[in-house]
Amino acid sequence: MVPHMSGTSLDAQKRYAEGTKSILQSYFSGKEDYRPEDLIVYKGDYATKAYGERAKDSGSAGANKAGGKGAGVQ
């Protein structure tokens, strides 16, 4: 969770640190009140269609529409 900061402004580095802190606090508190833009996968499924979409009716774990059988993240 450490971004590459070479050439990044101090303001941007501060935003990265605050965002990381917020995500970790949410996780460790058990609230799981993440901002939607901070999630890629949530509870075993893609949080947004921008990253992919699992086939709901296939029954095979890891299948997704874009990459076929086994291409999804488990």
C-alpha atoms as a PDB file:
ATOM      1  CA  MET A   1       0.000   0.000   0.000  1.00  0.00           C
ATOM      2  CA  VAL A   2       2.954   2.309  -0.463  1.00  0.00           C
ATOM      3  CA  PRO A   3       2.626   4.422  -3.603  1.00  0.00           C
ATOM      4  CA  HIS A   4       5.624   5.480  -5.645  1.00  0.00           C
ATOM      5  CA  MET A   5       6.097   9.116  -4.606  1.00  0.00           C
ATOM      6  CA  SER A   6       9.078  10.265  -6.635  1.00  0.00           C
ATOM      7  CA  GLY A   7       8.074  13.529  -8.253  1.00  0.00           C
ATOM      8  CA  THR A   8       4.706  13.621  -6.456  1.00  0.00           C
ATOM      9  CA  SER A   9       3.743  16.894  -4.791  1.00  0.00           C
ATOM     10  CA  LEU A  10       3.645  17.102  -1.010  1.00  0.00           C
ATOM     11  CA  ASP A  11      -0.104  17.777  -1.191  1.00  0.00           C
ATOM     12  CA  ALA A  12      -0.650  14.570  -3.180  1.00  0.00           C
ATOM     13  CA  GLN A  13       1.530  12.579  -0.771  1.00  0.00           C
ATOM     14  CA  LYS A  14      -0.578  13.886   2.113  1.00  0.00           C
ATOM     15  CA  ARG A  15      -3.786  12.764   0.316  1.00  0.00           C
ATOM     16  CA  TYR A  16      -2.288   9.296  -0.270  1.00  0.00           C
ATOM     17  CA  ALA A  17      -1.366   8.984   3.402  1.00  0.00           C
ATOM     18  CA  GLU A  18      -4.787  10.185   4.582  1.00  0.00           C
ATOM     19  CA  GLY A  19      -6.563   7.788   2.208  1.00  0.00           C
ATOM     20  CA  THR A  20      -4.448   4.840   3.313  1.00  0.00           C
ATOM     21  CA  LYS A  21      -5.046   5.723   6.963  1.00  0.00           C
ATOM     22  CA  SER A  22      -8.801   5.928   6.367  1.00  0.00           C
ATOM     23  CA  ILE A  23      -8.903   2.525   4.639  1.00  0.00           C
ATOM     24  CA  LEU A  24      -6.894   0.875   7.413  1.00  0.00           C
ATOM     25  CA  GLN A  25      -8.980   2.466  10.176  1.00  0.00           C
ATOM     26  CA  SER A  26     -12.159   1.261   8.479  1.00  0.00           C
ATOM     27  CA  TYR A  27     -10.782  -2.259   8.147  1.00  0.00           C
ATOM     28  CA  PHE A  28      -9.427  -2.599  11.690  1.00  0.00           C
ATOM     29  CA  SER A  29     -12.543  -1.073  13.274  1.00  0.00           C
ATOM     30  CA  GLY A  30     -14.733  -3.629  11.488  1.00  0.00           C
ATOM     31  CA  LYS A  31     -16.973  -0.900  10.053  1.00  0.00           C
ATOM     32  CA  GLU A  32     -15.989  -1.589   6.441  1.00  0.00           C
ATOM     33  CA  ASP A  33     -17.373   1.828   5.457  1.00  0.00           C
ATOM     34  CA  TYR A  34     -15.045   2.197   2.494  1.00  0.00           C
ATOM     35  CA  ARG A  35     -15.522   4.820  -0.186  1.00  0.00           C
ATOM     36  CA  PRO A  36     -16.595   3.143  -3.450  1.00  0.00           C
ATOM     37  CA  GLU A  37     -13.625   4.650  -5.320  1.00  0.00           C
ATOM     38  CA  ASP A  38     -11.248   2.880  -2.906  1.00  0.00           C
ATOM     39  CA  LEU A  39     -12.472  -0.635  -3.736  1.00  0.00           C
ATOM     40  CA  ILE A  40     -11.609  -3.054  -6.514  1.00  0.00           C
ATOM     41  CA  VAL A  41     -12.769  -6.322  -4.917  1.00  0.00           C
ATOM     42  CA  TYR A  42     -15.180  -6.541  -1.969  1.00  0.00           C
ATOM     43  CA  LYS A  43     -16.278  -9.791  -0.300  1.00  0.00           C
ATOM     44  CA  GLY A  44     -15.054 -11.908  -3.204  1.00  0.00           C
ATOM     45  CA  ASP A  45     -16.637  -9.959  -6.057  1.00  0.00           C
ATOM     46  CA  TYR A  46     -15.639  -6.973  -8.129  1.00  0.00           C
ATOM     47  CA  ALA A  47     -16.796  -3.768  -6.460  1.00  0.00           C
ATOM     48  CA  THR A  48     -17.373  -2.074  -9.813  1.00  0.00           C
ATOM     49  CA  LYS A  49     -17.957  -3.194 -13.377  1.00  0.00           C
ATOM     50  CA  ALA A  50     -14.935  -1.115 -14.429  1.00  0.00           C
ATOM     51  CA  TYR A  51     -12.667  -3.981 -13.310  1.00  0.00           C
ATOM     52  CA  GLY A  52     -14.797  -6.884 -14.516  1.00  0.00           C
ATOM     53  CA  GLU A  53     -17.939  -8.770 -13.821  1.00  0.00           C
ATOM     54  CA  ARG A  54     -18.331 -12.343 -12.633  1.00  0.00           C
ATOM     55  CA  ALA A  55     -20.719 -14.658 -14.412  1.00  0.00           C
ATOM     56  CA  LYS A  56     -23.392 -15.273 -11.764  1.00  0.00           C
ATOM     57  CA  ASP A  57     -24.890 -18.383 -13.363  1.00  0.00           C
ATOM     58  CA  SER A  58     -21.749 -20.326 -14.343  1.00  0.00           C
ATOM     59  CA  GLY A  59     -21.058 -21.985 -11.012  1.00  0.00           C
ATOM     60  CA  SER A  60     -17.312 -22.058 -11.672  1.00  0.00           C
ATOM     61  CA  ALA A  61     -15.323 -20.006  -9.206  1.00  0.00           C
ATOM     62  CA  GLY A  62     -13.163 -17.445 -10.916  1.00  0.00           C
ATOM     63  CA  ALA A  63     -15.087 -17.224 -14.181  1.00  0.00           C
ATOM     64  CA  ASN A  64     -15.749 -13.799 -15.584  1.00  0.00           C
ATOM     65  CA  LYS A  65     -17.335 -12.505 -18.775  1.00  0.00           C
ATOM     66  CA  ALA A  66     -14.228 -10.761 -20.089  1.00  0.00           C
ATOM     67  CA  GLY A  67     -11.571 -13.411 -19.571  1.00  0.00           C
ATOM     68  CA  GLY A  68     -13.377 -16.742 -19.529  1.00  0.00           C
ATOM     69  CA  LYS A  69     -12.992 -19.603 -17.095  1.00  0.00           C
ATOM     70  CA  GLY A  70     -10.439 -19.049 -14.382  1.00  0.00           C
ATOM     71  CA  ALA A  71      -9.632 -15.432 -15.294  1.00  0.00           C
ATOM     72  CA  GLY A  72     -11.327 -13.822 -12.279  1.00  0.00           C
ATOM     73  CA  VAL A  73      -9.798 -13.007  -8.908  1.00  0.00           C
ATOM     74  CA  GLN A  74     -10.830 -15.329  -6.108  1.00  0.00           C
END
